[in-house]
């Protein structure tokens, strides 16, 4: 679980529950058939076809269940490895989702903001939405929304086969990449560049810095 329920005390009844799920195609199929509001069979088939063609790299489903809004990003287990391999090329990623997202990413970097428009493509049953790995503007480096969410903080609700350790290893690779790309001398610089940094309470800022330091030592 990521998002405001993790990093902030300022969430409300209108806040969504933001989840990241790593699984297999059958898991994505079950999610679609249980919660997609519409022609779930054709939506599922379309998403898989686009994934196999390389037009999208992961999936997203937004829905309301028992009065609560959920936003679920769903990844196949190979995603983390592919993401790390693509870092040097800064591949523009796309997710396939059931809701259009016509706004923009408002990214933060050391108190300098950057507006990044979202690219949308309409398909028969879903929409693909751009999701940059990262953006460089002048001398400033901006985290992509996905790893901004992850580095902001997460809580493991359920895991199997020690997945969290593999997950943390991939996070270390990204932290190392950020430091090298920006000549950051410490993990504090990464913390300062997080999009929602100003919303963190004091305890969460300390927790995040300790986490970055611990994971850097653990996988060095």
N, C-alpha and C. Protein backbone atom coordinates (compact mmCIF):
# COMPACT_ATOMS: atom_id res chain seq x y z
N UNK A 1 0.85 -1.19 0.00
CA UNK A 1 0.00 0.00 0.00
C UNK A 1 0.89 1.23 0.00
N UNK A 2 0.58 2.19 -0.88
CA UNK A 2 1.34 3.44 -0.97
C UNK A 2 0.36 4.61 -0.88
N UNK A 3 0.87 5.82 -0.98
CA UNK A 3 0.00 6.99 -0.99
C UNK A 3 -0.19 7.62 0.36
N UNK A 4 -1.19 8.48 0.44
CA UNK A 4 -1.37 9.32 1.63
C UNK A 4 -1.67 8.52 2.89
N UNK A 5 -2.24 7.31 2.75
CA UNK A 5 -2.50 6.50 3.93
C UNK A 5 -1.20 6.05 4.60
N UNK A 6 -0.11 6.07 3.84
CA UNK A 6 1.18 5.66 4.37
C UNK A 6 1.97 6.85 4.91
N UNK A 7 2.06 7.94 4.09
CA UNK A 7 2.99 9.01 4.45
C UNK A 7 2.35 10.18 5.18
N UNK A 8 1.03 10.23 5.28
CA UNK A 8 0.40 11.43 5.81
C UNK A 8 -0.70 11.10 6.80
N UNK A 9 -0.93 12.01 7.72
CA UNK A 9 -2.07 11.91 8.62
C UNK A 9 -3.24 12.73 8.10
N UNK A 10 -3.05 13.36 6.93
CA UNK A 10 -4.04 14.31 6.41
C UNK A 10 -4.92 13.69 5.33
N UNK A 11 -5.23 12.40 5.44
CA UNK A 11 -6.14 11.79 4.49
C UNK A 11 -7.58 11.93 5.00
N UNK A 12 -8.53 11.72 4.11
CA UNK A 12 -9.94 11.88 4.48
C UNK A 12 -10.75 10.71 3.96
N UNK A 13 -12.05 10.76 4.18
CA UNK A 13 -12.93 9.70 3.69
C UNK A 13 -12.95 9.65 2.16
N UNK A 14 -12.57 10.76 1.50
CA UNK A 14 -12.55 10.81 0.05
C UNK A 14 -11.22 10.31 -0.53
N UNK A 15 -10.23 10.07 0.32
CA UNK A 15 -8.94 9.57 -0.16
C UNK A 15 -9.10 8.16 -0.71
N UNK A 16 -8.33 7.87 -1.77
CA UNK A 16 -8.40 6.51 -2.30
C UNK A 16 -7.37 5.62 -1.60
N UNK A 17 -7.55 4.31 -1.76
CA UNK A 17 -6.58 3.34 -1.28
C UNK A 17 -5.72 2.96 -2.47
N UNK A 18 -4.43 3.27 -2.39
CA UNK A 18 -3.49 3.14 -3.50
C UNK A 18 -2.66 1.88 -3.28
N UNK A 19 -2.83 0.89 -4.17
CA UNK A 19 -2.15 -0.40 -4.01
C UNK A 19 -1.25 -0.70 -5.20
N UNK A 20 -0.13 -1.36 -4.92
CA UNK A 20 0.74 -1.94 -5.95
C UNK A 20 0.69 -3.45 -5.77
N UNK A 21 0.37 -4.16 -6.84
CA UNK A 21 0.30 -5.61 -6.77
C UNK A 21 1.23 -6.22 -7.83
N UNK A 22 2.08 -7.15 -7.40
CA UNK A 22 2.94 -7.89 -8.32
C UNK A 22 2.42 -9.32 -8.38
N UNK A 23 2.15 -9.79 -9.59
CA UNK A 23 1.58 -11.12 -9.72
C UNK A 23 1.76 -11.68 -11.11
N UNK A 24 0.84 -12.54 -11.51
CA UNK A 24 0.89 -13.14 -12.84
C UNK A 24 -0.37 -12.76 -13.61
N UNK A 25 -0.46 -13.22 -14.83
CA UNK A 25 -1.58 -12.83 -15.70
C UNK A 25 -2.92 -13.29 -15.11
N UNK A 26 -2.92 -14.44 -14.44
CA UNK A 26 -4.16 -14.92 -13.83
C UNK A 26 -4.62 -13.99 -12.71
N UNK A 27 -3.67 -13.40 -12.01
CA UNK A 27 -4.02 -12.44 -10.97
C UNK A 27 -4.66 -11.20 -11.54
N UNK A 28 -4.10 -10.71 -12.66
CA UNK A 28 -4.67 -9.55 -13.33
C UNK A 28 -6.07 -9.88 -13.87
N UNK A 29 -6.22 -11.09 -14.40
CA UNK A 29 -7.53 -11.51 -14.91
C UNK A 29 -8.56 -11.52 -13.79
N UNK A 30 -8.20 -12.03 -12.63
CA UNK A 30 -9.13 -12.09 -11.50
C UNK A 30 -9.52 -10.69 -11.06
N UNK A 31 -8.54 -9.78 -11.01
CA UNK A 31 -8.82 -8.40 -10.62
C UNK A 31 -9.82 -7.76 -11.58
N UNK A 32 -9.61 -7.98 -12.89
CA UNK A 32 -10.50 -7.41 -13.90
C UNK A 32 -11.91 -7.97 -13.78
N UNK A 33 -12.02 -9.28 -13.62
CA UNK A 33 -13.34 -9.92 -13.58
C UNK A 33 -14.07 -9.62 -12.28
N UNK A 34 -13.34 -9.35 -11.21
CA UNK A 34 -13.99 -9.04 -9.93
C UNK A 34 -14.41 -7.58 -9.82
N UNK A 35 -13.65 -6.66 -10.45
CA UNK A 35 -13.87 -5.25 -10.15
C UNK A 35 -14.02 -4.32 -11.36
N UNK A 36 -13.74 -4.80 -12.58
CA UNK A 36 -13.92 -3.93 -13.75
C UNK A 36 -15.41 -3.70 -13.99
N UNK A 37 -15.79 -2.47 -14.19
CA UNK A 37 -17.20 -2.13 -14.38
C UNK A 37 -17.50 -2.01 -15.87
N UNK A 38 -17.88 -3.11 -16.49
CA UNK A 38 -18.15 -3.11 -17.93
C UNK A 38 -17.89 -4.48 -18.51
N UNK A 39 -17.40 -4.49 -19.76
CA UNK A 39 -17.12 -5.74 -20.46
C UNK A 39 -15.74 -6.22 -20.03
N UNK A 40 -15.70 -6.90 -18.89
CA UNK A 40 -14.41 -7.29 -18.31
C UNK A 40 -13.63 -8.26 -19.18
N UNK A 41 -14.31 -9.12 -19.90
CA UNK A 41 -13.62 -10.12 -20.72
C UNK A 41 -12.82 -9.45 -21.83
N UNK A 42 -13.46 -8.53 -22.55
CA UNK A 42 -12.77 -7.85 -23.65
C UNK A 42 -11.74 -6.85 -23.15
N UNK A 43 -12.00 -6.22 -22.00
CA UNK A 43 -11.01 -5.32 -21.42
C UNK A 43 -9.75 -6.10 -21.07
N UNK A 44 -9.92 -7.25 -20.43
CA UNK A 44 -8.78 -8.08 -20.06
C UNK A 44 -8.00 -8.51 -21.31
N UNK A 45 -8.70 -9.00 -22.33
CA UNK A 45 -8.04 -9.45 -23.56
C UNK A 45 -7.27 -8.31 -24.21
N UNK A 46 -7.87 -7.14 -24.26
CA UNK A 46 -7.21 -5.99 -24.88
C UNK A 46 -5.93 -5.60 -24.13
N UNK A 47 -5.99 -5.60 -22.80
CA UNK A 47 -4.82 -5.21 -22.01
C UNK A 47 -3.67 -6.18 -22.23
N UNK A 48 -3.96 -7.47 -22.30
CA UNK A 48 -2.91 -8.47 -22.51
C UNK A 48 -2.32 -8.36 -23.91
N UNK A 49 -3.16 -8.11 -24.90
CA UNK A 49 -2.66 -7.93 -26.27
C UNK A 49 -1.71 -6.74 -26.36
N UNK A 50 -2.07 -5.64 -25.72
CA UNK A 50 -1.22 -4.45 -25.74
C UNK A 50 0.09 -4.70 -24.98
N UNK A 51 0.00 -5.46 -23.90
CA UNK A 51 1.21 -5.79 -23.14
C UNK A 51 2.15 -6.65 -23.99
N UNK A 52 1.61 -7.66 -24.65
CA UNK A 52 2.44 -8.56 -25.46
C UNK A 52 3.06 -7.82 -26.64
N UNK A 53 2.40 -6.79 -27.14
CA UNK A 53 2.96 -5.99 -28.24
C UNK A 53 4.01 -4.99 -27.75
N UNK A 54 4.13 -4.84 -26.43
CA UNK A 54 5.09 -3.89 -25.87
C UNK A 54 4.58 -2.47 -25.83
N UNK A 55 3.27 -2.28 -26.05
CA UNK A 55 2.72 -0.92 -26.05
C UNK A 55 2.43 -0.42 -24.64
N UNK A 56 2.28 -1.33 -23.68
CA UNK A 56 2.12 -0.96 -22.27
C UNK A 56 3.04 -1.85 -21.45
N UNK A 57 3.48 -1.33 -20.30
CA UNK A 57 4.42 -2.07 -19.45
C UNK A 57 3.77 -2.58 -18.15
N UNK A 58 2.64 -1.99 -17.78
CA UNK A 58 1.92 -2.49 -16.61
C UNK A 58 0.46 -2.08 -16.69
N UNK A 59 -0.33 -2.52 -15.71
CA UNK A 59 -1.77 -2.37 -15.74
C UNK A 59 -2.26 -1.52 -14.57
N UNK A 60 -3.43 -0.94 -14.74
CA UNK A 60 -4.02 -0.13 -13.66
C UNK A 60 -5.54 -0.29 -13.70
N UNK A 61 -6.13 -0.43 -12.52
CA UNK A 61 -7.58 -0.52 -12.43
C UNK A 61 -8.06 0.40 -11.32
N UNK A 62 -9.00 1.26 -11.66
CA UNK A 62 -9.61 2.17 -10.68
C UNK A 62 -11.07 1.79 -10.52
N UNK A 63 -11.51 1.67 -9.26
CA UNK A 63 -12.88 1.23 -9.03
C UNK A 63 -13.31 1.61 -7.61
N UNK A 64 -14.61 1.51 -7.38
CA UNK A 64 -15.17 1.75 -6.05
C UNK A 64 -15.74 0.44 -5.52
N UNK A 65 -15.38 0.13 -4.28
CA UNK A 65 -15.85 -1.10 -3.65
C UNK A 65 -16.29 -0.77 -2.23
N UNK A 66 -17.58 -1.04 -1.95
CA UNK A 66 -18.16 -0.76 -0.64
C UNK A 66 -17.93 0.70 -0.23
N UNK A 67 -18.10 1.59 -1.22
CA UNK A 67 -18.02 3.03 -0.95
C UNK A 67 -16.62 3.60 -0.91
N UNK A 68 -15.61 2.76 -1.08
CA UNK A 68 -14.22 3.22 -1.02
C UNK A 68 -13.60 3.16 -2.41
N UNK A 69 -12.87 4.21 -2.78
CA UNK A 69 -12.22 4.27 -4.09
C UNK A 69 -10.85 3.59 -4.01
N UNK A 70 -10.59 2.70 -4.95
CA UNK A 70 -9.31 2.01 -5.03
C UNK A 70 -8.59 2.39 -6.33
N UNK A 71 -7.28 2.51 -6.24
CA UNK A 71 -6.44 2.68 -7.42
C UNK A 71 -5.35 1.62 -7.34
N UNK A 72 -5.41 0.64 -8.23
CA UNK A 72 -4.50 -0.51 -8.17
C UNK A 72 -3.59 -0.52 -9.39
N UNK A 73 -2.29 -0.43 -9.15
CA UNK A 73 -1.30 -0.64 -10.21
C UNK A 73 -0.86 -2.10 -10.12
N UNK A 74 -0.98 -2.82 -11.24
CA UNK A 74 -0.69 -4.26 -11.26
C UNK A 74 0.48 -4.53 -12.20
N UNK A 75 1.48 -5.26 -11.69
CA UNK A 75 2.71 -5.52 -12.44
C UNK A 75 2.94 -7.03 -12.54
N UNK A 76 3.40 -7.47 -13.69
CA UNK A 76 3.90 -8.83 -13.78
C UNK A 76 5.26 -8.88 -13.10
N UNK A 77 5.66 -10.05 -12.62
CA UNK A 77 6.84 -10.16 -11.76
C UNK A 77 8.14 -9.78 -12.46
N UNK A 78 8.15 -9.81 -13.78
CA UNK A 78 9.35 -9.44 -14.55
C UNK A 78 9.55 -7.93 -14.63
N UNK A 79 8.57 -7.17 -14.14
CA UNK A 79 8.61 -5.71 -14.32
C UNK A 79 9.85 -5.08 -13.70
N UNK A 80 10.18 -5.45 -12.46
CA UNK A 80 11.29 -4.80 -11.76
C UNK A 80 12.61 -5.00 -12.49
N UNK A 81 12.84 -6.20 -12.99
CA UNK A 81 14.07 -6.47 -13.74
C UNK A 81 14.11 -5.64 -15.01
N UNK A 82 13.00 -5.60 -15.74
CA UNK A 82 12.95 -4.82 -16.98
C UNK A 82 13.11 -3.34 -16.71
N UNK A 83 12.52 -2.87 -15.62
CA UNK A 83 12.60 -1.46 -15.27
C UNK A 83 14.06 -1.06 -15.04
N UNK A 84 14.80 -1.89 -14.31
CA UNK A 84 16.21 -1.61 -14.03
C UNK A 84 17.02 -1.58 -15.32
N UNK A 85 16.75 -2.50 -16.24
CA UNK A 85 17.48 -2.57 -17.50
C UNK A 85 17.20 -1.35 -18.38
N UNK A 86 16.02 -0.79 -18.25
CA UNK A 86 15.61 0.34 -19.10
C UNK A 86 16.06 1.70 -18.55
N UNK A 87 16.61 1.75 -17.33
CA UNK A 87 16.92 3.03 -16.71
C UNK A 87 17.85 3.89 -17.54
N UNK A 88 18.91 3.30 -18.09
CA UNK A 88 19.89 4.10 -18.83
C UNK A 88 19.30 4.70 -20.11
N UNK A 89 18.29 4.04 -20.65
CA UNK A 89 17.65 4.55 -21.88
C UNK A 89 16.46 5.47 -21.59
N UNK A 90 16.05 5.52 -20.31
CA UNK A 90 14.89 6.32 -19.92
C UNK A 90 13.70 6.05 -20.83
N UNK A 91 13.33 4.80 -20.92
CA UNK A 91 12.20 4.41 -21.76
C UNK A 91 10.91 5.03 -21.22
N UNK A 92 10.09 5.54 -22.12
CA UNK A 92 8.79 6.08 -21.71
C UNK A 92 7.82 4.93 -21.53
N UNK A 93 7.40 4.71 -20.29
CA UNK A 93 6.49 3.62 -19.97
C UNK A 93 5.04 4.08 -20.13
N UNK A 94 4.18 3.08 -20.37
CA UNK A 94 2.74 3.32 -20.42
C UNK A 94 2.04 2.27 -19.57
N UNK A 95 0.98 2.68 -18.92
CA UNK A 95 0.12 1.72 -18.23
C UNK A 95 -1.22 1.70 -18.96
N UNK A 96 -1.91 0.58 -18.90
CA UNK A 96 -3.24 0.46 -19.49
C UNK A 96 -4.25 0.47 -18.35
N UNK A 97 -5.26 1.32 -18.48
CA UNK A 97 -6.21 1.51 -17.39
C UNK A 97 -7.63 1.65 -17.91
N UNK A 98 -8.58 1.61 -17.01
CA UNK A 98 -9.99 1.71 -17.39
C UNK A 98 -10.51 3.13 -17.32
N UNK A 99 -9.69 4.08 -16.86
CA UNK A 99 -10.14 5.46 -16.74
C UNK A 99 -9.14 6.39 -17.43
N UNK A 100 -9.61 7.34 -18.25
CA UNK A 100 -8.68 8.30 -18.87
C UNK A 100 -8.08 9.21 -17.80
N UNK A 101 -6.86 9.66 -18.03
CA UNK A 101 -6.20 10.56 -17.10
C UNK A 101 -5.65 11.73 -17.92
N UNK A 102 -6.45 12.75 -18.05
CA UNK A 102 -6.12 13.85 -18.96
C UNK A 102 -5.43 15.02 -18.26
N UNK A 103 -5.02 14.83 -17.01
CA UNK A 103 -4.34 15.93 -16.33
C UNK A 103 -2.83 15.82 -16.54
N UNK A 104 -2.02 16.03 -15.53
CA UNK A 104 -0.58 16.08 -15.72
C UNK A 104 0.12 15.61 -14.45
N UNK A 105 1.40 15.32 -14.58
CA UNK A 105 2.24 15.03 -13.41
C UNK A 105 2.86 16.34 -12.93
N UNK A 106 2.67 16.63 -11.66
CA UNK A 106 3.28 17.82 -11.05
C UNK A 106 4.44 17.32 -10.19
N UNK A 107 5.63 17.31 -10.78
CA UNK A 107 6.77 16.70 -10.13
C UNK A 107 7.60 17.72 -9.35
N UNK A 108 8.23 17.23 -8.29
CA UNK A 108 9.05 18.10 -7.46
C UNK A 108 10.51 17.69 -7.52
N UNK A 109 11.40 18.66 -7.41
CA UNK A 109 12.83 18.38 -7.37
C UNK A 109 13.51 19.53 -6.65
N UNK A 110 13.87 19.29 -5.37
CA UNK A 110 14.56 20.33 -4.60
C UNK A 110 13.82 21.68 -4.68
N UNK A 111 12.50 21.61 -4.48
CA UNK A 111 11.63 22.80 -4.47
C UNK A 111 11.44 23.43 -5.84
N UNK A 112 11.86 22.76 -6.91
CA UNK A 112 11.62 23.27 -8.27
C UNK A 112 10.61 22.35 -8.93
N UNK A 113 9.49 22.90 -9.36
CA UNK A 113 8.40 22.10 -9.88
C UNK A 113 8.46 21.99 -11.40
N UNK A 114 7.95 20.88 -11.91
CA UNK A 114 7.88 20.66 -13.35
C UNK A 114 6.54 20.02 -13.67
N UNK A 115 5.84 20.61 -14.64
CA UNK A 115 4.56 20.08 -15.10
C UNK A 115 4.82 19.19 -16.31
N UNK A 116 4.42 17.91 -16.21
CA UNK A 116 4.64 16.95 -17.30
C UNK A 116 3.27 16.45 -17.77
N UNK A 117 2.82 16.85 -18.97
CA UNK A 117 1.51 16.40 -19.46
C UNK A 117 1.46 14.88 -19.60
N UNK A 118 0.30 14.31 -19.32
CA UNK A 118 0.11 12.88 -19.51
C UNK A 118 -0.33 12.62 -20.95
N UNK A 119 0.27 11.60 -21.56
CA UNK A 119 -0.11 11.21 -22.92
C UNK A 119 -1.13 10.09 -22.81
N UNK A 120 -2.29 10.28 -23.40
CA UNK A 120 -3.36 9.28 -23.36
C UNK A 120 -3.63 8.73 -24.76
N UNK A 121 -3.86 7.45 -24.85
CA UNK A 121 -4.32 6.81 -26.09
C UNK A 121 -5.60 6.05 -25.77
N UNK A 122 -6.64 6.26 -26.57
CA UNK A 122 -7.92 5.58 -26.35
C UNK A 122 -7.95 4.30 -27.17
N UNK A 123 -8.31 3.21 -26.52
CA UNK A 123 -8.51 1.94 -27.20
C UNK A 123 -9.99 1.56 -27.10
N UNK A 124 -10.34 0.37 -27.49
CA UNK A 124 -11.75 -0.02 -27.49
C UNK A 124 -12.33 -0.08 -26.09
N UNK A 125 -11.53 -0.57 -25.13
CA UNK A 125 -12.06 -0.79 -23.78
C UNK A 125 -11.26 -0.09 -22.69
N UNK A 126 -10.10 0.43 -23.03
CA UNK A 126 -9.27 1.07 -22.02
C UNK A 126 -8.47 2.23 -22.59
N UNK A 127 -7.62 2.77 -21.76
CA UNK A 127 -6.78 3.91 -22.11
C UNK A 127 -5.35 3.63 -21.67
N UNK A 128 -4.38 3.95 -22.53
CA UNK A 128 -3.00 3.89 -22.08
C UNK A 128 -2.57 5.29 -21.66
N UNK A 129 -1.82 5.36 -20.57
CA UNK A 129 -1.39 6.64 -20.00
C UNK A 129 0.11 6.59 -19.79
N UNK A 130 0.80 7.64 -20.22
CA UNK A 130 2.26 7.68 -20.09
C UNK A 130 2.67 7.70 -18.62
N UNK A 131 3.81 7.07 -18.35
CA UNK A 131 4.33 6.98 -16.99
C UNK A 131 5.86 7.00 -17.07
N UNK A 132 6.46 8.20 -17.18
CA UNK A 132 7.92 8.29 -17.38
C UNK A 132 8.70 7.66 -16.23
N UNK A 133 9.81 6.99 -16.59
CA UNK A 133 10.70 6.48 -15.54
C UNK A 133 11.28 7.66 -14.75
N UNK A 134 11.72 8.67 -15.48
CA UNK A 134 12.22 9.89 -14.87
C UNK A 134 12.29 10.96 -15.96
N UNK A 135 12.47 12.20 -15.55
CA UNK A 135 12.59 13.31 -16.49
C UNK A 135 13.77 14.18 -16.08
N UNK A 136 14.58 14.58 -17.07
CA UNK A 136 15.68 15.51 -16.81
C UNK A 136 15.35 16.82 -17.51
N UNK A 137 15.36 17.90 -16.75
CA UNK A 137 15.09 19.23 -17.30
C UNK A 137 16.22 20.16 -16.85
N UNK A 138 17.11 20.49 -17.79
CA UNK A 138 18.28 21.27 -17.41
C UNK A 138 19.16 20.43 -16.50
N UNK A 139 19.47 20.97 -15.34
CA UNK A 139 20.31 20.25 -14.38
C UNK A 139 19.47 19.51 -13.33
N UNK A 140 18.15 19.54 -13.48
CA UNK A 140 17.28 18.92 -12.48
C UNK A 140 16.76 17.56 -12.94
N UNK A 141 16.71 16.66 -12.01
CA UNK A 141 16.24 15.29 -12.24
C UNK A 141 14.91 15.12 -11.50
N UNK A 142 13.90 14.58 -12.21
CA UNK A 142 12.58 14.41 -11.62
C UNK A 142 12.21 12.93 -11.61
N UNK A 143 11.86 12.44 -10.46
CA UNK A 143 11.44 11.05 -10.33
C UNK A 143 10.18 10.79 -11.13
N UNK A 144 10.09 9.61 -11.74
CA UNK A 144 8.83 9.20 -12.33
C UNK A 144 7.82 8.91 -11.24
N UNK A 145 6.54 8.96 -11.57
CA UNK A 145 5.49 8.84 -10.57
C UNK A 145 5.53 7.50 -9.85
N UNK A 146 5.91 6.43 -10.56
CA UNK A 146 5.89 5.11 -9.95
C UNK A 146 6.89 5.00 -8.81
N UNK A 147 8.15 5.33 -9.08
CA UNK A 147 9.13 5.21 -8.01
C UNK A 147 9.04 6.35 -7.01
N UNK A 148 8.44 7.45 -7.41
CA UNK A 148 8.15 8.48 -6.42
C UNK A 148 7.19 7.91 -5.37
N UNK A 149 6.19 7.16 -5.83
CA UNK A 149 5.25 6.52 -4.89
C UNK A 149 5.98 5.54 -3.98
N UNK A 150 6.85 4.72 -4.58
CA UNK A 150 7.53 3.68 -3.81
C UNK A 150 8.52 4.28 -2.82
N UNK A 151 9.30 5.26 -3.26
CA UNK A 151 10.29 5.87 -2.37
C UNK A 151 9.63 6.72 -1.30
N UNK A 152 8.42 7.21 -1.58
CA UNK A 152 7.68 7.97 -0.58
C UNK A 152 7.35 7.08 0.62
N UNK A 153 7.13 5.80 0.36
CA UNK A 153 6.87 4.87 1.46
C UNK A 153 5.79 3.88 1.11
N UNK A 154 5.92 2.68 1.64
CA UNK A 154 4.91 1.67 1.40
C UNK A 154 4.78 0.77 2.61
N UNK A 155 3.66 0.09 2.69
CA UNK A 155 3.40 -0.90 3.74
C UNK A 155 3.05 -2.21 3.05
N UNK A 156 3.75 -3.28 3.41
CA UNK A 156 3.44 -4.60 2.84
C UNK A 156 2.19 -5.15 3.52
N UNK A 157 1.17 -5.42 2.73
CA UNK A 157 -0.06 -6.03 3.26
C UNK A 157 0.04 -7.55 3.19
N UNK A 158 0.61 -8.06 2.09
CA UNK A 158 0.75 -9.50 1.93
C UNK A 158 1.92 -9.78 1.00
N UNK A 159 2.70 -10.81 1.29
CA UNK A 159 3.79 -11.18 0.41
C UNK A 159 4.05 -12.68 0.48
N UNK A 160 4.66 -13.21 -0.59
CA UNK A 160 5.04 -14.62 -0.63
C UNK A 160 6.47 -14.72 -1.15
N UNK A 161 7.16 -15.79 -0.80
CA UNK A 161 8.49 -16.10 -1.32
C UNK A 161 9.49 -14.97 -1.10
N UNK A 162 9.41 -14.30 0.07
CA UNK A 162 10.37 -13.23 0.40
C UNK A 162 10.45 -12.16 -0.69
N UNK A 163 9.29 -11.84 -1.27
CA UNK A 163 9.29 -10.87 -2.37
C UNK A 163 9.79 -9.50 -1.92
N UNK A 164 9.52 -9.13 -0.69
CA UNK A 164 9.89 -7.80 -0.23
C UNK A 164 11.40 -7.57 -0.32
N UNK A 165 12.19 -8.60 -0.07
CA UNK A 165 13.64 -8.45 -0.17
C UNK A 165 14.06 -8.19 -1.61
N UNK A 166 13.46 -8.90 -2.56
CA UNK A 166 13.74 -8.65 -3.98
C UNK A 166 13.28 -7.24 -4.37
N UNK A 167 12.15 -6.85 -3.82
CA UNK A 167 11.60 -5.52 -4.09
C UNK A 167 12.55 -4.44 -3.58
N UNK A 168 13.06 -4.61 -2.37
CA UNK A 168 14.00 -3.65 -1.81
C UNK A 168 15.28 -3.58 -2.61
N UNK A 169 15.73 -4.71 -3.13
CA UNK A 169 16.94 -4.73 -3.94
C UNK A 169 16.75 -3.87 -5.19
N UNK A 170 15.58 -3.95 -5.80
CA UNK A 170 15.31 -3.13 -6.98
C UNK A 170 15.24 -1.65 -6.60
N UNK A 171 14.74 -1.35 -5.41
CA UNK A 171 14.69 0.03 -4.95
C UNK A 171 16.10 0.57 -4.76
N UNK A 172 16.99 -0.26 -4.20
CA UNK A 172 18.38 0.17 -4.03
C UNK A 172 19.00 0.52 -5.38
N UNK A 173 18.75 -0.29 -6.41
CA UNK A 173 19.30 -0.01 -7.73
C UNK A 173 18.85 1.36 -8.22
N UNK A 174 17.59 1.68 -7.93
CA UNK A 174 17.07 2.97 -8.37
C UNK A 174 17.67 4.10 -7.54
N UNK A 175 17.80 3.91 -6.23
CA UNK A 175 18.43 4.93 -5.38
C UNK A 175 19.86 5.19 -5.85
N UNK A 176 20.60 4.12 -6.14
CA UNK A 176 21.97 4.25 -6.61
C UNK A 176 22.00 4.99 -7.94
N UNK A 177 21.05 4.67 -8.82
CA UNK A 177 20.97 5.33 -10.13
C UNK A 177 20.71 6.83 -9.97
N UNK A 178 19.79 7.18 -9.09
CA UNK A 178 19.47 8.59 -8.85
C UNK A 178 20.69 9.35 -8.34
N UNK A 179 21.37 8.78 -7.38
CA UNK A 179 22.55 9.45 -6.80
C UNK A 179 23.63 9.66 -7.86
N UNK A 180 23.84 8.64 -8.68
CA UNK A 180 24.87 8.73 -9.72
C UNK A 180 24.47 9.76 -10.78
N UNK A 181 23.21 9.75 -11.16
CA UNK A 181 22.73 10.64 -12.22
C UNK A 181 22.78 12.11 -11.79
N UNK A 182 22.60 12.35 -10.50
CA UNK A 182 22.53 13.72 -9.99
C UNK A 182 23.76 14.15 -9.22
N UNK A 183 24.73 13.24 -9.06
CA UNK A 183 25.88 13.52 -8.21
C UNK A 183 25.44 13.86 -6.79
N UNK A 184 24.33 13.23 -6.35
CA UNK A 184 23.89 13.42 -4.98
C UNK A 184 24.90 12.80 -4.02
N UNK A 185 25.27 13.53 -2.99
CA UNK A 185 26.26 13.05 -2.03
C UNK A 185 25.62 12.22 -0.92
N UNK A 186 24.34 12.41 -0.67
CA UNK A 186 23.70 11.68 0.43
C UNK A 186 22.27 11.33 0.06
N UNK A 187 21.69 10.43 0.83
CA UNK A 187 20.29 10.04 0.61
C UNK A 187 19.32 11.15 0.97
N UNK A 188 19.77 12.12 1.76
CA UNK A 188 18.91 13.25 2.12
C UNK A 188 18.49 14.03 0.88
N UNK A 189 19.38 14.11 -0.12
CA UNK A 189 19.05 14.82 -1.35
C UNK A 189 17.91 14.14 -2.10
N UNK A 190 17.89 12.81 -2.05
CA UNK A 190 16.79 12.07 -2.69
C UNK A 190 15.48 12.35 -1.96
N UNK A 191 15.55 12.32 -0.64
CA UNK A 191 14.37 12.61 0.16
C UNK A 191 13.81 13.99 -0.17
N UNK A 192 14.69 14.98 -0.30
CA UNK A 192 14.26 16.35 -0.60
C UNK A 192 13.60 16.46 -1.97
N UNK A 193 13.93 15.54 -2.88
CA UNK A 193 13.41 15.64 -4.25
C UNK A 193 12.08 14.92 -4.43
N UNK A 194 11.59 14.23 -3.39
CA UNK A 194 10.32 13.53 -3.51
C UNK A 194 9.18 14.53 -3.69
N UNK A 195 8.24 14.16 -4.54
CA UNK A 195 7.16 15.06 -4.92
C UNK A 195 6.32 15.52 -3.73
N UNK A 196 6.11 14.62 -2.76
CA UNK A 196 5.21 14.94 -1.64
C UNK A 196 5.97 15.26 -0.36
N UNK A 197 7.25 15.59 -0.50
CA UNK A 197 8.10 15.78 0.67
C UNK A 197 7.51 16.78 1.66
N UNK A 198 6.94 17.87 1.15
CA UNK A 198 6.44 18.91 2.04
C UNK A 198 5.22 18.45 2.84
N UNK A 199 4.59 17.35 2.41
CA UNK A 199 3.42 16.84 3.12
C UNK A 199 3.80 15.84 4.22
N UNK A 200 5.04 15.41 4.24
CA UNK A 200 5.46 14.43 5.24
C UNK A 200 5.43 15.04 6.63
N UNK A 201 5.01 14.26 7.61
CA UNK A 201 5.20 14.71 8.98
C UNK A 201 6.64 14.40 9.39
N UNK A 202 7.06 14.95 10.51
CA UNK A 202 8.45 14.83 10.96
C UNK A 202 8.87 13.38 11.11
N UNK A 203 7.98 12.56 11.68
CA UNK A 203 8.30 11.17 11.92
C UNK A 203 8.54 10.41 10.61
N UNK A 204 7.73 10.73 9.60
CA UNK A 204 7.88 10.03 8.33
C UNK A 204 9.17 10.45 7.62
N UNK A 205 9.56 11.70 7.73
CA UNK A 205 10.82 12.15 7.13
C UNK A 205 11.99 11.38 7.73
N UNK A 206 11.97 11.23 9.04
CA UNK A 206 13.04 10.50 9.72
C UNK A 206 13.03 9.03 9.30
N UNK A 207 11.83 8.44 9.25
CA UNK A 207 11.70 7.04 8.87
C UNK A 207 12.23 6.79 7.46
N UNK A 208 11.90 7.70 6.53
CA UNK A 208 12.34 7.54 5.14
C UNK A 208 13.86 7.63 5.02
N UNK A 209 14.45 8.59 5.69
CA UNK A 209 15.90 8.75 5.62
C UNK A 209 16.59 7.52 6.20
N UNK A 210 16.10 7.02 7.32
CA UNK A 210 16.66 5.81 7.91
C UNK A 210 16.53 4.62 6.97
N UNK A 211 15.37 4.55 6.27
CA UNK A 211 15.14 3.46 5.33
C UNK A 211 16.13 3.53 4.17
N UNK A 212 16.32 4.72 3.60
CA UNK A 212 17.27 4.88 2.49
C UNK A 212 18.67 4.48 2.93
N UNK A 213 19.07 4.92 4.12
CA UNK A 213 20.40 4.60 4.62
C UNK A 213 20.56 3.10 4.86
N UNK A 214 19.54 2.49 5.45
CA UNK A 214 19.61 1.05 5.75
C UNK A 214 19.66 0.21 4.47
N UNK A 215 18.84 0.58 3.51
CA UNK A 215 18.78 -0.23 2.29
C UNK A 215 20.05 -0.05 1.47
N UNK A 216 20.67 1.13 1.54
CA UNK A 216 21.92 1.37 0.84
C UNK A 216 23.04 0.51 1.41
N UNK A 217 23.03 0.33 2.75
CA UNK A 217 24.04 -0.52 3.39
C UNK A 217 23.76 -1.99 3.12
N UNK A 218 22.48 -2.36 3.14
CA UNK A 218 22.09 -3.75 3.02
C UNK A 218 22.46 -4.35 1.66
N UNK A 219 22.30 -3.56 0.59
CA UNK A 219 22.51 -4.10 -0.75
C UNK A 219 23.74 -3.50 -1.43
N UNK A 220 24.60 -2.86 -0.68
CA UNK A 220 25.76 -2.18 -1.28
C UNK A 220 26.67 -3.20 -1.97
